[in-house]
Amino acid sequence: MKKTKKSVLKKRISTKKQPRATSRKAVSKGKRKALEVIGKITHYFPKAKAGVMKITKGTLALGDVIHIKGHTTDFKQKVYSIQLDRVPLEKASKGQEIGLRVKSRVRQHDVVYKIS
């Protein structure tokens, strides 16, 4: 069977990939969680696995869920330990620079979000 020019062109057109949509919207199931920027990481202590965080907005309490995001950092965790000048706290507010136990390495200028 001999292929004609028309059949070859039809085949090329039909197998050509369709262009992909340029905008991508995240599809989530259920309720979407609100993220609020509450501070930035200023220092990390690797032996203690603790980060120092400057709270710039709002409050942070034990049991809150936070999301730490930076250039190479991206994880979520529950807050189990907060300290100010080596004194344990239940709640920290705007303007305080607190010590925060973290499950992974954090870096200076990583942004801390509170998930509510």
PDB file of N, CA and C in Angstrom:
ATOM      1  N   MET A   1       0.840  -1.169   0.000  1.00  0.00           N
ATOM      2  CA  MET A   1       0.000   0.000   0.000  1.00  0.00           C
ATOM      3  C   MET A   1       0.893   1.241   0.000  1.00  0.00           C
ATOM      4  N   LYS A   2       0.606   2.107  -0.914  1.00  0.00           N
ATOM      5  CA  LYS A   2       1.425   3.302  -1.088  1.00  0.00           C
ATOM      6  C   LYS A   2       0.822   4.466  -0.296  1.00  0.00           C
ATOM      7  N   LYS A   3       1.659   5.185   0.439  1.00  0.00           N
ATOM      8  CA  LYS A   3       1.199   6.332   1.224  1.00  0.00           C
ATOM      9  C   LYS A   3       1.186   7.569   0.347  1.00  0.00           C
ATOM     10  N   THR A   4       0.103   8.268   0.427  1.00  0.00           N
ATOM     11  CA  THR A   4       0.012   9.504  -0.332  1.00  0.00           C
ATOM     12  C   THR A   4       0.378  10.674   0.558  1.00  0.00           C
ATOM     13  N   LYS A   5       0.610  11.806  -0.059  1.00  0.00           N
ATOM     14  CA  LYS A   5       0.970  12.997   0.688  1.00  0.00           C
ATOM     15  C   LYS A   5      -0.128  13.414   1.657  1.00  0.00           C
ATOM     16  N   LYS A   6      -1.396  13.283   1.223  1.00  0.00           N
ATOM     17  CA  LYS A   6      -2.515  13.669   2.065  1.00  0.00           C
ATOM     18  C   LYS A   6      -2.599  12.808   3.314  1.00  0.00           C
ATOM     19  N   SER A   7      -2.439  11.520   3.188  1.00  0.00           N
ATOM     20  CA  SER A   7      -2.548  10.627   4.352  1.00  0.00           C
ATOM     21  C   SER A   7      -1.416  10.877   5.349  1.00  0.00           C
ATOM     22  N   VAL A   8      -0.235  11.188   4.838  1.00  0.00           N
ATOM     23  CA  VAL A   8       0.904  11.480   5.716  1.00  0.00           C
ATOM     24  C   VAL A   8       0.645  12.766   6.480  1.00  0.00           C
ATOM     25  N   LEU A   9       0.138  13.805   5.810  1.00  0.00           N
ATOM     26  CA  LEU A   9      -0.153  15.072   6.467  1.00  0.00           C
ATOM     27  C   LEU A   9      -1.248  14.916   7.516  1.00  0.00           C
ATOM     28  N   LYS A  10      -2.293  14.147   7.204  1.00  0.00           N
ATOM     29  CA  LYS A  10      -3.374  13.911   8.170  1.00  0.00           C
ATOM     30  C   LYS A  10      -2.835  13.240   9.425  1.00  0.00           C
ATOM     31  N   LYS A  11      -1.955  12.270   9.234  1.00  0.00           N
ATOM     32  CA  LYS A  11      -1.396  11.543  10.367  1.00  0.00           C
ATOM     33  C   LYS A  11      -0.563  12.480  11.240  1.00  0.00           C
ATOM     34  N   ARG A  12       0.240  13.340  10.591  1.00  0.00           N
ATOM     35  CA  ARG A  12       1.060  14.279  11.362  1.00  0.00           C
ATOM     36  C   ARG A  12       0.201  15.248  12.171  1.00  0.00           C
ATOM     37  N   ILE A  13      -0.847  15.732  11.570  1.00  0.00           N
ATOM     38  CA  ILE A  13      -1.723  16.682  12.252  1.00  0.00           C
ATOM     39  C   ILE A  13      -2.444  16.018  13.419  1.00  0.00           C
ATOM     40  N   SER A  14      -2.911  14.802  13.228  1.00  0.00           N
ATOM     41  CA  SER A  14      -3.686  14.127  14.274  1.00  0.00           C
ATOM     42  C   SER A  14      -2.814  13.698  15.451  1.00  0.00           C
ATOM     43  N   THR A  15      -1.535  13.396  15.213  1.00  0.00           N
ATOM     44  CA  THR A  15      -0.668  12.956  16.314  1.00  0.00           C
ATOM     45  C   THR A  15       0.056  14.112  16.984  1.00  0.00           C
ATOM     46  N   LYS A  16      -0.117  15.305  16.458  1.00  0.00           N
ATOM     47  CA  LYS A  16       0.550  16.462  17.051  1.00  0.00           C
ATOM     48  C   LYS A  16      -0.030  16.749  18.434  1.00  0.00           C
ATOM     49  N   LYS A  17       0.855  17.022  19.398  1.00  0.00           N
ATOM     50  CA  LYS A  17       0.413  17.296  20.768  1.00  0.00           C
ATOM     51  C   LYS A  17      -0.319  18.622  20.832  1.00  0.00           C
ATOM     52  N   GLN A  18      -1.352  18.642  21.616  1.00  0.00           N
ATOM     53  CA  GLN A  18      -2.115  19.865  21.809  1.00  0.00           C
ATOM     54  C   GLN A  18      -1.352  20.793  22.748  1.00  0.00           C
ATOM     55  N   PRO A  19      -1.393  22.108  22.545  1.00  0.00           N
ATOM     56  CA  PRO A  19      -0.686  23.035  23.441  1.00  0.00           C
ATOM     57  C   PRO A  19      -1.268  22.988  24.848  1.00  0.00           C
ATOM     58  N   ARG A  20      -0.396  23.129  25.808  1.00  0.00           N
ATOM     59  CA  ARG A  20      -0.784  23.064  27.211  1.00  0.00           C
ATOM     60  C   ARG A  20      -1.286  24.424  27.675  1.00  0.00           C
ATOM     61  N   ALA A  21      -2.242  24.403  28.580  1.00  0.00           N
ATOM     62  CA  ALA A  21      -2.752  25.662  29.132  1.00  0.00           C
ATOM     63  C   ALA A  21      -1.645  26.356  29.907  1.00  0.00           C
ATOM     64  N   THR A  22      -1.571  27.672  29.789  1.00  0.00           N
ATOM     65  CA  THR A  22      -0.478  28.407  30.435  1.00  0.00           C
ATOM     66  C   THR A  22      -0.730  28.658  31.910  1.00  0.00           C
ATOM     67  N   SER A  23      -1.964  28.773  32.307  1.00  0.00           N
ATOM     68  CA  SER A  23      -2.226  29.038  33.721  1.00  0.00           C
ATOM     69  C   SER A  23      -2.575  27.738  34.432  1.00  0.00           C
ATOM     70  N   ARG A  24      -1.944  27.542  35.573  1.00  0.00           N
ATOM     71  CA  ARG A  24      -2.202  26.344  36.366  1.00  0.00           C
ATOM     72  C   ARG A  24      -2.823  26.765  37.683  1.00  0.00           C
ATOM     73  N   LYS A  25      -3.967  26.251  37.960  1.00  0.00           N
ATOM     74  CA  LYS A  25      -4.625  26.553  39.223  1.00  0.00           C
ATOM     75  C   LYS A  25      -4.614  25.302  40.089  1.00  0.00           C
ATOM     76  N   ALA A  26      -4.256  25.476  41.334  1.00  0.00           N
ATOM     77  CA  ALA A  26      -4.232  24.343  42.245  1.00  0.00           C
ATOM     78  C   ALA A  26      -5.657  23.927  42.574  1.00  0.00           C
ATOM     79  N   VAL A  27      -5.912  22.660  42.429  1.00  0.00           N
ATOM     80  CA  VAL A  27      -7.235  22.143  42.746  1.00  0.00           C
ATOM     81  C   VAL A  27      -7.115  21.427  44.085  1.00  0.00           C
ATOM     82  N   SER A  28      -7.885  21.876  45.040  1.00  0.00           N
ATOM     83  CA  SER A  28      -7.825  21.259  46.355  1.00  0.00           C
ATOM     84  C   SER A  28      -9.182  20.674  46.691  1.00  0.00           C
ATOM     85  N   LYS A  29      -9.138  19.591  47.429  1.00  0.00           N
ATOM     86  CA  LYS A  29     -10.369  18.961  47.861  1.00  0.00           C
ATOM     87  C   LYS A  29     -10.689  19.454  49.261  1.00  0.00           C
ATOM     88  N   GLY A  30     -11.905  19.852  49.474  1.00  0.00           N
ATOM     89  CA  GLY A  30     -12.303  20.315  50.802  1.00  0.00           C
ATOM     90  C   GLY A  30     -11.952  21.762  51.026  1.00  0.00           C
ATOM     91  N   LYS A  31     -11.789  22.103  52.299  1.00  0.00           N
ATOM     92  CA  LYS A  31     -11.505  23.491  52.674  1.00  0.00           C
ATOM     93  C   LYS A  31     -10.060  23.849  52.397  1.00  0.00           C
ATOM     94  N   ARG A  32      -9.847  25.076  51.960  1.00  0.00           N
ATOM     95  CA  ARG A  32      -8.500  25.579  51.756  1.00  0.00           C
ATOM     96  C   ARG A  32      -8.039  26.245  53.049  1.00  0.00           C
ATOM     97  N   LYS A  33      -6.842  25.944  53.485  1.00  0.00           N
ATOM     98  CA  LYS A  33      -6.292  26.507  54.716  1.00  0.00           C
ATOM     99  C   LYS A  33      -5.720  27.888  54.444  1.00  0.00           C
ATOM    100  N   ALA A  34      -5.946  28.805  55.379  1.00  0.00           N
ATOM    101  CA  ALA A  34      -5.444  30.175  55.243  1.00  0.00           C
ATOM    102  C   ALA A  34      -4.024  30.254  55.791  1.00  0.00           C
ATOM    103  N   LEU A  35      -3.151  30.913  55.047  1.00  0.00           N
ATOM    104  CA  LEU A  35      -1.771  31.127  55.475  1.00  0.00           C
ATOM    105  C   LEU A  35      -1.583  32.591  55.823  1.00  0.00           C
ATOM    106  N   GLU A  36      -0.949  32.836  56.956  1.00  0.00           N
ATOM    107  CA  GLU A  36      -0.690  34.199  57.407  1.00  0.00           C
ATOM    108  C   GLU A  36       0.795  34.302  57.758  1.00  0.00           C
ATOM    109  N   VAL A  37       1.495  35.257  57.175  1.00  0.00           N
ATOM    110  CA  VAL A  37       2.910  35.457  57.486  1.00  0.00           C
ATOM    111  C   VAL A  37       3.001  35.994  58.904  1.00  0.00           C
ATOM    112  N   ILE A  38       3.753  35.297  59.763  1.00  0.00           N
ATOM    113  CA  ILE A  38       3.894  35.779  61.142  1.00  0.00           C
ATOM    114  C   ILE A  38       5.324  36.145  61.504  1.00  0.00           C
ATOM    115  N   GLY A  39       6.309  35.745  60.694  1.00  0.00           N
ATOM    116  CA  GLY A  39       7.678  36.100  61.043  1.00  0.00           C
ATOM    117  C   GLY A  39       8.713  35.538  60.098  1.00  0.00           C
ATOM    118  N   LYS A  40       9.995  35.754  60.489  1.00  0.00           N
ATOM    119  CA  LYS A  40      11.136  35.281  59.713  1.00  0.00           C
ATOM    120  C   LYS A  40      12.146  34.612  60.632  1.00  0.00           C
ATOM    121  N   ILE A  41      12.860  33.660  60.089  1.00  0.00           N
ATOM    122  CA  ILE A  41      13.935  32.995  60.815  1.00  0.00           C
ATOM    123  C   ILE A  41      15.169  33.903  60.777  1.00  0.00           C
ATOM    124  N   THR A  42      15.810  34.076  61.937  1.00  0.00           N
ATOM    125  CA  THR A  42      17.003  34.910  61.998  1.00  0.00           C
ATOM    126  C   THR A  42      18.274  34.109  62.271  1.00  0.00           C
ATOM    127  N   HIS A  43      18.134  32.906  62.843  1.00  0.00           N
ATOM    128  CA  HIS A  43      19.305  32.090  63.171  1.00  0.00           C
ATOM    129  C   HIS A  43      18.889  30.642  63.348  1.00  0.00           C
ATOM    130  N   TYR A  44      19.851  29.712  63.228  1.00  0.00           N
ATOM    131  CA  TYR A  44      19.591  28.290  63.433  1.00  0.00           C
ATOM    132  C   TYR A  44      20.710  27.682  64.264  1.00  0.00           C
ATOM    133  N   PHE A  45      20.343  26.869  65.237  1.00  0.00           N
ATOM    134  CA  PHE A  45      21.296  26.152  66.078  1.00  0.00           C
ATOM    135  C   PHE A  45      21.190  24.668  65.752  1.00  0.00           C
ATOM    136  N   PRO A  46      22.168  24.111  64.993  1.00  0.00           N
ATOM    137  CA  PRO A  46      22.039  22.731  64.531  1.00  0.00           C
ATOM    138  C   PRO A  46      22.084  21.677  65.640  1.00  0.00           C
ATOM    139  N   LYS A  47      22.894  21.883  66.679  1.00  0.00           N
ATOM    140  CA  LYS A  47      22.972  20.875  67.751  1.00  0.00           C
ATOM    141  C   LYS A  47      21.665  20.800  68.530  1.00  0.00           C
ATOM    142  N   ALA A  48      21.054  21.928  68.783  1.00  0.00           N
ATOM    143  CA  ALA A  48      19.793  21.961  69.533  1.00  0.00           C
ATOM    144  C   ALA A  48      18.586  21.762  68.623  1.00  0.00           C
ATOM    145  N   LYS A  49      18.814  21.793  67.311  1.00  0.00           N
ATOM    146  CA  LYS A  49      17.738  21.724  66.312  1.00  0.00           C
ATOM    147  C   LYS A  49      16.659  22.761  66.604  1.00  0.00           C
ATOM    148  N   ALA A  50      17.125  23.993  66.802  1.00  0.00           N
ATOM    149  CA  ALA A  50      16.218  25.093  67.131  1.00  0.00           C
ATOM    150  C   ALA A  50      16.522  26.289  66.234  1.00  0.00           C
ATOM    151  N   GLY A  51      15.472  27.000  65.881  1.00  0.00           N
ATOM    152  CA  GLY A  51      15.616  28.203  65.082  1.00  0.00           C
ATOM    153  C   GLY A  51      15.172  29.407  65.890  1.00  0.00           C
ATOM    154  N   VAL A  52      15.759  30.550  65.595  1.00  0.00           N
ATOM    155  CA  VAL A  52      15.353  31.801  66.225  1.00  0.00           C
ATOM    156  C   VAL A  52      14.440  32.512  65.234  1.00  0.00           C
ATOM    157  N   MET A  53      13.281  32.926  65.717  1.00  0.00           N
ATOM    158  CA  MET A  53      12.294  33.544  64.852  1.00  0.00           C
ATOM    159  C   MET A  53      11.882  34.896  65.394  1.00  0.00           C
ATOM    160  N   LYS A  54      11.851  35.896  64.531  1.00  0.00           N
ATOM    161  CA  LYS A  54      11.370  37.234  64.887  1.00  0.00           C
ATOM    162  C   LYS A  54       9.918  37.309  64.448  1.00  0.00           C
ATOM    163  N   ILE A  55       9.004  37.503  65.405  1.00  0.00           N
ATOM    164  CA  ILE A  55       7.580  37.590  65.092  1.00  0.00           C
ATOM    165  C   ILE A  55       7.279  39.020  64.652  1.00  0.00           C
ATOM    166  N   THR A  56       6.799  39.163  63.417  1.00  0.00           N
ATOM    167  CA  THR A  56       6.513  40.481  62.857  1.00  0.00           C
ATOM    168  C   THR A  56       5.028  40.810  62.832  1.00  0.00           C
ATOM    169  N   LYS A  57       4.188  39.789  62.997  1.00  0.00           N
ATOM    170  CA  LYS A  57       2.750  40.016  62.919  1.00  0.00           C
ATOM    171  C   LYS A  57       2.024  38.883  63.644  1.00  0.00           C
ATOM    172  N   GLY A  58       1.014  39.233  64.430  1.00  0.00           N
ATOM    173  CA  GLY A  58       0.190  38.221  65.088  1.00  0.00           C
ATOM    174  C   GLY A  58       0.838  37.576  66.289  1.00  0.00           C
ATOM    175  N   THR A  59       0.338  36.381  66.634  1.00  0.00           N
ATOM    176  CA  THR A  59       0.847  35.634  67.784  1.00  0.00           C
ATOM    177  C   THR A  59       1.095  34.193  67.384  1.00  0.00           C
ATOM    178  N   LEU A  60       1.874  33.509  68.217  1.00  0.00           N
ATOM    179  CA  LEU A  60       2.174  32.099  68.019  1.00  0.00           C
ATOM    180  C   LEU A  60       2.053  31.403  69.357  1.00  0.00           C
ATOM    181  N   ALA A  61       1.292  30.315  69.396  1.00  0.00           N
ATOM    182  CA  ALA A  61       1.079  29.585  70.643  1.00  0.00           C
ATOM    183  C   ALA A  61       1.441  28.117  70.454  1.00  0.00           C
ATOM    184  N   LEU A  62       1.633  27.414  71.563  1.00  0.00           N
ATOM    185  CA  LEU A  62       1.882  25.982  71.507  1.00  0.00           C
ATOM    186  C   LEU A  62       0.682  25.295  70.861  1.00  0.00           C
ATOM    187  N   GLY A  63       0.951  24.338  69.993  1.00  0.00           N
ATOM    188  CA  GLY A  63      -0.117  23.614  69.311  1.00  0.00           C
ATOM    189  C   GLY A  63      -0.490  24.185  67.956  1.00  0.00           C
ATOM    190  N   ASP A  64      -0.036  25.404  67.639  1.00  0.00           N
ATOM    191  CA  ASP A  64      -0.310  25.982  66.315  1.00  0.00           C
ATOM    192  C   ASP A  64       0.476  25.208  65.253  1.00  0.00           C
ATOM    193  N   VAL A  65      -0.047  25.194  64.041  1.00  0.00           N
ATOM    194  CA  VAL A  65       0.647  24.564  62.925  1.00  0.00           C
ATOM    195  C   VAL A  65       1.275  25.670  62.088  1.00  0.00           C
ATOM    196  N   ILE A  66       2.565  25.500  61.791  1.00  0.00           N
ATOM    197  CA  ILE A  66       3.281  26.509  61.012  1.00  0.00           C
ATOM    198  C   ILE A  66       3.863  25.877  59.748  1.00  0.00           C
ATOM    199  N   HIS A  67       4.112  26.726  58.758  1.00  0.00           N
ATOM    200  CA  HIS A  67       4.738  26.315  57.509  1.00  0.00           C
ATOM    201  C   HIS A  67       5.963  27.200  57.329  1.00  0.00           C
ATOM    202  N   ILE A  68       7.138  26.590  57.254  1.00  0.00           N
ATOM    203  CA  ILE A  68       8.380  27.336  57.077  1.00  0.00           C
ATOM    204  C   ILE A  68       8.834  27.142  55.634  1.00  0.00           C
ATOM    205  N   LYS A  69       9.005  28.256  54.931  1.00  0.00           N
ATOM    206  CA  LYS A  69       9.343  28.187  53.508  1.00  0.00           C
ATOM    207  C   LYS A  69      10.479  29.143  53.197  1.00  0.00           C
ATOM    208  N   GLY A  70      11.443  28.645  52.467  1.00  0.00           N
ATOM    209  CA  GLY A  70      12.577  29.442  52.032  1.00  0.00           C
ATOM    210  C   GLY A  70      13.100  28.925  50.709  1.00  0.00           C
ATOM    211  N   HIS A  71      14.303  29.323  50.360  1.00  0.00           N
ATOM    212  CA  HIS A  71      14.898  28.927  49.084  1.00  0.00           C
ATOM    213  C   HIS A  71      15.042  27.402  48.987  1.00  0.00           C
ATOM    214  N   THR A  72      15.532  26.770  50.036  1.00  0.00           N
ATOM    215  CA  THR A  72      15.692  25.315  50.041  1.00  0.00           C
ATOM    216  C   THR A  72      14.880  24.650  51.150  1.00  0.00           C
ATOM    217  N   THR A  73      14.138  25.414  51.912  1.00  0.00           N
ATOM    218  CA  THR A  73      13.363  24.906  53.031  1.00  0.00           C
ATOM    219  C   THR A  73      11.883  24.937  52.681  1.00  0.00           C
ATOM    220  N   ASP A  74      11.170  23.864  53.020  1.00  0.00           N
ATOM    221  CA  ASP A  74       9.728  23.839  52.788  1.00  0.00           C
ATOM    222  C   ASP A  74       9.128  22.689  53.589  1.00  0.00           C
ATOM    223  N   PHE A  75       8.623  22.979  54.787  1.00  0.00           N
ATOM    224  CA  PHE A  75       7.976  21.946  55.583  1.00  0.00           C
ATOM    225  C   PHE A  75       6.951  22.553  56.523  1.00  0.00           C
ATOM    226  N   LYS A  76       6.056  21.687  57.008  1.00  0.00           N
ATOM    227  CA  LYS A  76       5.032  22.085  57.975  1.00  0.00           C
ATOM    228  C   LYS A  76       5.278  21.314  59.254  1.00  0.00           C
ATOM    229  N   GLN A  77       4.936  21.936  60.376  1.00  0.00           N
ATOM    230  CA  GLN A  77       5.077  21.250  61.658  1.00  0.00           C
ATOM    231  C   GLN A  77       4.181  21.892  62.698  1.00  0.00           C
ATOM    232  N   LYS A  78       3.945  21.153  63.763  1.00  0.00           N
ATOM    233  CA  LYS A  78       3.199  21.659  64.904  1.00  0.00           C
ATOM    234  C   LYS A  78       4.206  22.250  65.890  1.00  0.00           C
ATOM    235  N   VAL A  79       3.833  23.327  66.555  1.00  0.00           N
ATOM    236  CA  VAL A  79       4.737  23.991  67.505  1.00  0.00           C
ATOM    237  C   VAL A  79       4.655  23.262  68.847  1.00  0.00           C
ATOM    238  N   TYR A  80       5.793  22.696  69.269  1.00  0.00           N
ATOM    239  CA  TYR A  80       5.853  21.963  70.532  1.00  0.00           C
ATOM    240  C   TYR A  80       6.625  22.712  71.614  1.00  0.00           C
ATOM    241  N   SER A  81       7.529  23.597  71.199  1.00  0.00           N
ATOM    242  CA  SER A  81       8.372  24.280  72.177  1.00  0.00           C
ATOM    243  C   SER A  81       8.660  25.709  71.731  1.00  0.00           C
ATOM    244  N   ILE A  82       8.383  26.659  72.627  1.00  0.00           N
ATOM    245  CA  ILE A  82       8.694  28.071  72.396  1.00  0.00           C
ATOM    246  C   ILE A  82       9.470  28.560  73.615  1.00  0.00           C
ATOM    247  N   GLN A  83      10.582  29.265  73.373  1.00  0.00           N
ATOM    248  CA  GLN A  83      11.361  29.817  74.479  1.00  0.00           C
ATOM    249  C   GLN A  83      11.749  31.261  74.195  1.00  0.00           C
ATOM    250  N   LEU A  84      11.809  32.036  75.266  1.00  0.00           N
ATOM    251  CA  LEU A  84      12.285  33.411  75.210  1.00  0.00           C
ATOM    252  C   LEU A  84      13.312  33.563  76.318  1.00  0.00           C
ATOM    253  N   ASP A  85      14.564  33.814  75.944  1.00  0.00           N
ATOM    254  CA  ASP A  85      15.673  33.885  76.915  1.00  0.00           C
ATOM    255  C   ASP A  85      15.739  32.638  77.786  1.00  0.00           C
ATOM    256  N   ARG A  86      15.625  31.472  77.167  1.00  0.00           N
ATOM    257  CA  ARG A  86      15.692  30.143  77.804  1.00  0.00           C
ATOM    258  C   ARG A  86      14.563  29.869  78.796  1.00  0.00           C
ATOM    259  N   VAL A  87      13.482  30.643  78.723  1.00  0.00           N
ATOM    260  CA  VAL A  87      12.313  30.436  79.577  1.00  0.00           C
ATOM    261  C   VAL A  87      11.163  29.950  78.685  1.00  0.00           C
ATOM    262  N   PRO A  88      10.596  28.781  78.986  1.00  0.00           N
ATOM    263  CA  PRO A  88       9.492  28.270  78.162  1.00  0.00           C
ATOM    264  C   PRO A  88       8.275  29.204  78.204  1.00  0.00           C
ATOM    265  N   LEU A  89       7.627  29.344  77.043  1.00  0.00           N
ATOM    266  CA  LEU A  89       6.439  30.186  76.922  1.00  0.00           C
ATOM    267  C   LEU A  89       5.271  29.371  76.379  1.00  0.00           C
ATOM    268  N   GLU A  90       4.073  29.801  76.700  1.00  0.00           N
ATOM    269  CA  GLU A  90       2.862  29.214  76.125  1.00  0.00           C
ATOM    270  C   GLU A  90       2.475  29.952  74.851  1.00  0.00           C
ATOM    271  N   LYS A  91       2.732  31.272  74.829  1.00  0.00           N
ATOM    272  CA  LYS A  91       2.311  32.105  73.717  1.00  0.00           C
ATOM    273  C   LYS A  91       3.324  33.234  73.509  1.00  0.00           C
ATOM    274  N   ALA A  92       3.616  33.548  72.238  1.00  0.00           N
ATOM    275  CA  ALA A  92       4.519  34.647  71.908  1.00  0.00           C
ATOM    276  C   ALA A  92       3.774  35.618  71.000  1.00  0.00           C
ATOM    277  N   SER A  93       4.120  36.899  71.121  1.00  0.00           N
ATOM    278  CA  SER A  93       3.400  37.915  70.348  1.00  0.00           C
ATOM    279  C   SER A  93       4.359  38.755  69.505  1.00  0.00           C
ATOM    280  N   LYS A  94       3.790  39.685  68.760  1.00  0.00           N
ATOM    281  CA  LYS A  94       4.521  40.543  67.832  1.00  0.00           C
ATOM    282  C   LYS A  94       5.677  41.267  68.532  1.00  0.00           C
ATOM    283  N   GLY A  95       6.818  41.296  67.844  1.00  0.00           N
ATOM    284  CA  GLY A  95       7.984  42.005  68.355  1.00  0.00           C
ATOM    285  C   GLY A  95       8.964  41.135  69.121  1.00  0.00           C
ATOM    286  N   GLN A  96       8.551  39.949  69.541  1.00  0.00           N
ATOM    287  CA  GLN A  96       9.435  39.073  70.303  1.00  0.00           C
ATOM    288  C   GLN A  96      10.307  38.244  69.361  1.00  0.00           C
ATOM    289  N   GLU A  97      11.516  37.954  69.825  1.00  0.00           N
ATOM    290  CA  GLU A  97      12.427  37.078  69.103  1.00  0.00           C
ATOM    291  C   GLU A  97      12.539  35.804  69.929  1.00  0.00           C
ATOM    292  N   ILE A  98      11.951  34.721  69.429  1.00  0.00           N
ATOM    293  CA  ILE A  98      11.803  33.496  70.218  1.00  0.00           C
ATOM    294  C   ILE A  98      12.634  32.364  69.644  1.00  0.00           C
ATOM    295  N   GLY A  99      12.908  31.399  70.495  1.00  0.00           N
ATOM    296  CA  GLY A  99      13.531  30.152  70.087  1.00  0.00           C
ATOM    297  C   GLY A  99      12.437  29.146  69.808  1.00  0.00           C
ATOM    298  N   LEU A 100      12.584  28.405  68.721  1.00  0.00           N
ATOM    299  CA  LEU A 100      11.542  27.501  68.269  1.00  0.00           C
ATOM    300  C   LEU A 100      12.176  26.176  67.875  1.00  0.00           C
ATOM    301  N   ARG A 101      11.722  25.098  68.483  1.00  0.00           N
ATOM    302  CA  ARG A 101      12.229  23.766  68.140  1.00  0.00           C
ATOM    303  C   ARG A 101      11.691  23.395  66.762  1.00  0.00           C
ATOM    304  N   VAL A 102      12.574  22.989  65.826  1.00  0.00           N
ATOM    305  CA  VAL A 102      12.157  22.645  64.471  1.00  0.00           C
ATOM    306  C   VAL A 102      12.587  21.226  64.117  1.00  0.00           C
ATOM    307  N   LYS A 103      11.845  20.601  63.203  1.00  0.00           N
ATOM    308  CA  LYS A 103      12.128  19.210  62.844  1.00  0.00           C
ATOM    309  C   LYS A 103      13.155  19.086  61.723  1.00  0.00           C
ATOM    310  N   SER A 104      13.440  20.195  61.034  1.00  0.00           N
ATOM    311  CA  SER A 104      14.388  20.177  59.934  1.00  0.00           C
ATOM    312  C   SER A 104      15.197  21.471  59.950  1.00  0.00           C
ATOM    313  N   ARG A 105      16.280  21.473  59.205  1.00  0.00           N
ATOM    314  CA  ARG A 105      17.143  22.655  59.153  1.00  0.00           C
ATOM    315  C   ARG A 105      16.393  23.845  58.560  1.00  0.00           C
ATOM    316  N   VAL A 106      16.577  24.997  59.176  1.00  0.00           N
ATOM    317  CA  VAL A 106      16.017  26.246  58.663  1.00  0.00           C
ATOM    318  C   VAL A 106      17.168  27.208  58.418  1.00  0.00           C
ATOM    319  N   ARG A 107      16.920  28.168  57.559  1.00  0.00           N
ATOM    320  CA  ARG A 107      17.962  29.120  57.209  1.00  0.00           C
ATOM    321  C   ARG A 107      17.506  30.544  57.454  1.00  0.00           C
ATOM    322  N   GLN A 108      18.477  31.430  57.546  1.00  0.00           N
ATOM    323  CA  GLN A 108      18.186  32.839  57.762  1.00  0.00           C
ATOM    324  C   GLN A 108      17.307  33.354  56.622  1.00  0.00           C
ATOM    325  N   HIS A 109      16.322  34.163  56.959  1.00  0.00           N
ATOM    326  CA  HIS A 109      15.374  34.774  56.022  1.00  0.00           C
ATOM    327  C   HIS A 109      14.273  33.828  55.536  1.00  0.00           C
ATOM    328  N   ASP A 110      14.194  32.600  56.070  1.00  0.00           N
ATOM    329  CA  ASP A 110      13.057  31.742  55.746  1.00  0.00           C
ATOM    330  C   ASP A 110      11.804  32.384  56.335  1.00  0.00           C
ATOM    331  N   VAL A 111      10.697  32.315  55.615  1.00  0.00           N
ATOM    332  CA  VAL A 111       9.454  32.930  56.048  1.00  0.00           C
ATOM    333  C   VAL A 111       8.625  31.896  56.808  1.00  0.00           C
ATOM    334  N   VAL A 112       8.017  32.333  57.914  1.00  0.00           N
ATOM    335  CA  VAL A 112       7.189  31.450  58.731  1.00  0.00           C
ATOM    336  C   VAL A 112       5.745  31.862  58.575  1.00  0.00           C
ATOM    337  N   TYR A 113       4.900  30.900  58.163  1.00  0.00           N
ATOM    338  CA  TYR A 113       3.472  31.116  57.992  1.00  0.00           C
ATOM    339  C   TYR A 113       2.722  30.355  59.080  1.00  0.00           C
ATOM    340  N   LYS A 114       1.632  30.936  59.545  1.00  0.00           N
ATOM    341  CA  LYS A 114       0.757  30.250  60.499  1.00  0.00           C
ATOM    342  C   LYS A 114      -0.439  29.727  59.716  1.00  0.00           C
ATOM    343  N   ILE A 115      -0.726  28.442  59.848  1.00  0.00           N
ATOM    344  CA  ILE A 115      -1.843  27.820  59.133  1.00  0.00           C
ATOM    345  C   ILE A 115      -3.049  27.836  60.051  1.00  0.00           C
ATOM    346  N   SER A 116      -4.138  28.445  59.567  1.00  0.00           N
ATOM    347  CA  SER A 116      -5.352  28.487  60.398  1.00  0.00           C
ATOM    348  C   SER A 116      -6.550  27.979  59.636  1.00  0.00           C
TER     349      SER A 116
END
